[in-house]
C-alpha atoms as a PDB file:
ATOM      1  CA  UNK A   1     -30.107  40.808  15.596  1.00  0.00           C
ATOM      2  CA  UNK A   2     -26.613  39.786  14.561  1.00  0.00           C
ATOM      3  CA  UNK A   3     -24.817  37.247  16.800  1.00  0.00           C
ATOM      4  CA  UNK A   4     -22.678  38.310  19.713  1.00  0.00           C
ATOM      5  CA  UNK A   5     -19.149  39.047  18.372  1.00  0.00           C
ATOM      6  CA  UNK A   6     -17.498  37.519  21.447  1.00  0.00           C
ATOM      7  CA  UNK A   7     -19.362  34.222  21.058  1.00  0.00           C
ATOM      8  CA  UNK A   8     -18.731  34.263  17.310  1.00  0.00           C
ATOM      9  CA  UNK A   9     -15.009  34.836  17.857  1.00  0.00           C
ATOM     10  CA  UNK A  10     -14.805  32.012  20.393  1.00  0.00           C
ATOM     11  CA  UNK A  11     -16.264  29.589  17.837  1.00  0.00           C
ATOM     12  CA  UNK A  12     -13.672  30.566  15.252  1.00  0.00           C
ATOM     13  CA  UNK A  13     -10.859  28.100  14.609  1.00  0.00           C
ATOM     14  CA  UNK A  14      -8.197  30.768  14.453  1.00  0.00           C
ATOM     15  CA  UNK A  15      -6.986  33.427  12.067  1.00  0.00           C
ATOM     16  CA  UNK A  16      -7.217  32.560   8.407  1.00  0.00           C
ATOM     17  CA  UNK A  17      -9.507  29.567   8.863  1.00  0.00           C
ATOM     18  CA  UNK A  18     -13.184  29.330   8.170  1.00  0.00           C
ATOM     19  CA  UNK A  19     -15.826  27.882  10.462  1.00  0.00           C
ATOM     20  CA  UNK A  20     -16.637  24.205   9.876  1.00  0.00           C
ATOM     21  CA  UNK A  21     -19.879  25.110   8.119  1.00  0.00           C
ATOM     22  CA  UNK A  22     -18.280  27.419   5.561  1.00  0.00           C
ATOM     23  CA  UNK A  23     -20.057  27.037   2.199  1.00  0.00           C
ATOM     24  CA  UNK A  24     -16.838  27.109   0.165  1.00  0.00           C
ATOM     25  CA  UNK A  25     -15.512  23.491  -0.002  1.00  0.00           C
ATOM     26  CA  UNK A  26     -11.832  24.426  -0.213  1.00  0.00           C
ATOM     27  CA  UNK A  27     -12.005  26.271   3.093  1.00  0.00           C
ATOM     28  CA  UNK A  28     -12.649  23.001   4.955  1.00  0.00           C
ATOM     29  CA  UNK A  29      -9.557  21.210   3.659  1.00  0.00           C
ATOM     30  CA  UNK A  30      -6.960  19.856   6.022  1.00  0.00           C
ATOM     31  CA  UNK A  31      -3.556  21.579   6.058  1.00  0.00           C
ATOM     32  CA  UNK A  32      -1.107  20.519   3.362  1.00  0.00           C
ATOM     33  CA  UNK A  33       1.013  18.456   5.778  1.00  0.00           C
ATOM     34  CA  UNK A  34      -2.058  16.421   6.754  1.00  0.00           C
ATOM     35  CA  UNK A  35      -3.118  15.746   3.147  1.00  0.00           C
ATOM     36  CA  UNK A  36       0.225  14.539   1.833  1.00  0.00           C
ATOM     37  CA  UNK A  37       1.680  15.389  -1.539  1.00  0.00           C
ATOM     38  CA  UNK A  38      -0.360  16.149  -4.671  1.00  0.00           C
ATOM     39  CA  UNK A  39      -1.042  13.236  -6.983  1.00  0.00           C
ATOM     40  CA  UNK A  40       1.034  14.702  -9.808  1.00  0.00           C
ATOM     41  CA  UNK A  41       4.134  14.413  -7.592  1.00  0.00           C
ATOM     42  CA  UNK A  42       3.602  10.659  -7.320  1.00  0.00           C
ATOM     43  CA  UNK A  43       3.001  10.428 -11.074  1.00  0.00           C
ATOM     44  CA  UNK A  44       6.318  12.172 -11.786  1.00  0.00           C
ATOM     45  CA  UNK A  45       8.092   9.821  -9.375  1.00  0.00           C
ATOM     46  CA  UNK A  46       6.529   6.834 -11.116  1.00  0.00           C
ATOM     47  CA  UNK A  47       7.718   8.080 -14.517  1.00  0.00           C
ATOM     48  CA  UNK A  48      11.232   8.851 -13.269  1.00  0.00           C
ATOM     49  CA  UNK A  49      11.615   5.460 -11.615  1.00  0.00           C
ATOM     50  CA  UNK A  50      10.268   3.741 -14.730  1.00  0.00           C
ATOM     51  CA  UNK A  51      12.869   5.614 -16.798  1.00  0.00           C
ATOM     52  CA  UNK A  52      15.661   4.698 -14.376  1.00  0.00           C
ATOM     53  CA  UNK A  53      15.343   0.998 -15.214  1.00  0.00           C
ATOM     54  CA  UNK A  54      15.820   0.758 -18.978  1.00  0.00           C
ATOM     55  CA  UNK A  55      13.354  -2.104 -19.523  1.00  0.00           C
ATOM     56  CA  UNK A  56      12.108  -0.332 -22.643  1.00  0.00           C
ATOM     57  CA  UNK A  57      15.381  -0.845 -24.558  1.00  0.00           C
ATOM     58  CA  UNK A  58      15.115  -3.962 -26.739  1.00  0.00           C
ATOM     59  CA  UNK A  59      17.412  -6.824 -25.757  1.00  0.00           C
ATOM     60  CA  UNK A  60      18.728  -7.154 -29.304  1.00  0.00           C
ATOM     61  CA  UNK A  61      19.560  -3.440 -29.633  1.00  0.00           C
ATOM     62  CA  UNK A  62      23.201  -2.731 -30.446  1.00  0.00           C
ATOM     63  CA  UNK A  63      25.294  -1.641 -27.493  1.00  0.00           C
ATOM     64  CA  UNK A  64      26.176   2.036 -27.878  1.00  0.00           C
ATOM     65  CA  UNK A  65      28.929   3.639 -25.836  1.00  0.00           C
ATOM     66  CA  UNK A  66      28.340   7.167 -24.498  1.00  0.00           C
ATOM     67  CA  UNK A  67      31.147   8.822 -22.535  1.00  0.00           C
ATOM     68  CA  UNK A  68      32.819   5.458 -22.105  1.00  0.00           C
ATOM     69  CA  UNK A  69      29.721   3.789 -20.628  1.00  0.00           C
ATOM     70  CA  UNK A  70      26.953   1.709 -22.188  1.00  0.00           C
ATOM     71  CA  UNK A  71      24.017   3.920 -23.159  1.00  0.00           C
ATOM     72  CA  UNK A  72      21.637   2.207 -20.728  1.00  0.00           C
ATOM     73  CA  UNK A  73      23.942   3.114 -17.820  1.00  0.00           C
ATOM     74  CA  UNK A  74      23.848   6.810 -18.703  1.00  0.00           C
ATOM     75  CA  UNK A  75      20.059   6.692 -19.159  1.00  0.00           C
ATOM     76  CA  UNK A  76      19.733   5.138 -15.707  1.00  0.00           C
ATOM     77  CA  UNK A  77      22.119   7.643 -14.126  1.00  0.00           C
ATOM     78  CA  UNK A  78      20.316  10.613 -15.697  1.00  0.00           C
ATOM     79  CA  UNK A  79      16.950   9.326 -14.505  1.00  0.00           C
ATOM     80  CA  UNK A  80      18.370   8.831 -11.008  1.00  0.00           C
ATOM     81  CA  UNK A  81      19.716  12.378 -11.098  1.00  0.00           C
ATOM     82  CA  UNK A  82      16.218  13.485 -12.145  1.00  0.00           C
ATOM     83  CA  UNK A  83      14.758  11.697  -9.109  1.00  0.00           C
ATOM     84  CA  UNK A  84      17.235  13.482  -6.837  1.00  0.00           C
ATOM     85  CA  UNK A  85      16.561  16.931  -8.333  1.00  0.00           C
ATOM     86  CA  UNK A  86      12.804  16.383  -8.258  1.00  0.00           C
ATOM     87  CA  UNK A  87      12.991  15.223  -4.626  1.00  0.00           C
ATOM     88  CA  UNK A  88      14.861  18.422  -3.721  1.00  0.00           C
ATOM     89  CA  UNK A  89      12.150  20.442  -5.510  1.00  0.00           C
ATOM     90  CA  UNK A  90       9.332  18.595  -3.722  1.00  0.00           C
ATOM     91  CA  UNK A  91      10.941  19.036  -0.315  1.00  0.00           C
ATOM     92  CA  UNK A  92      11.555  22.724  -0.938  1.00  0.00           C
ATOM     93  CA  UNK A  93       8.051  23.357  -2.288  1.00  0.00           C
ATOM     94  CA  UNK A  94       5.733  21.007  -0.376  1.00  0.00           C
ATOM     95  CA  UNK A  95       7.457  19.979   2.863  1.00  0.00           C
ATOM     96  CA  UNK A  96       5.863  21.684   5.887  1.00  0.00           C
ATOM     97  CA  UNK A  97       8.090  24.252   7.591  1.00  0.00           C
ATOM     98  CA  UNK A  98       6.632  23.769  11.035  1.00  0.00           C
ATOM     99  CA  UNK A  99       5.586  20.735  12.991  1.00  0.00           C
ATOM    100  CA  UNK A 100       1.873  19.943  12.818  1.00  0.00           C
ATOM    101  CA  UNK A 101      -0.063  20.684  16.005  1.00  0.00           C
ATOM    102  CA  UNK A 102      -0.492  17.773  18.393  1.00  0.00           C
ATOM    103  CA  UNK A 103      -3.807  16.014  18.127  1.00  0.00           C
END
């Protein structure tokens, strides 16, 4: 005999969620706001912040002027702008829209 539908429904964790013993591993994941951001987001931040400090330009390199500023200043400003644009993307794409339920 198949289980009682009322008892089965009462054990459910809500619409769209699987029971704790669901065989598919991705169904048991915590909500996105509980897991944090994906690792690639942190990797992009690391690259953008590394680019924002021009440590990779040799000390003996000739000083070039771009738009009236030293080239390293514009590189730093563009990388900082990249951080700002990427932060806006991450907030728009990954930030939770609703508050997480109280524990």
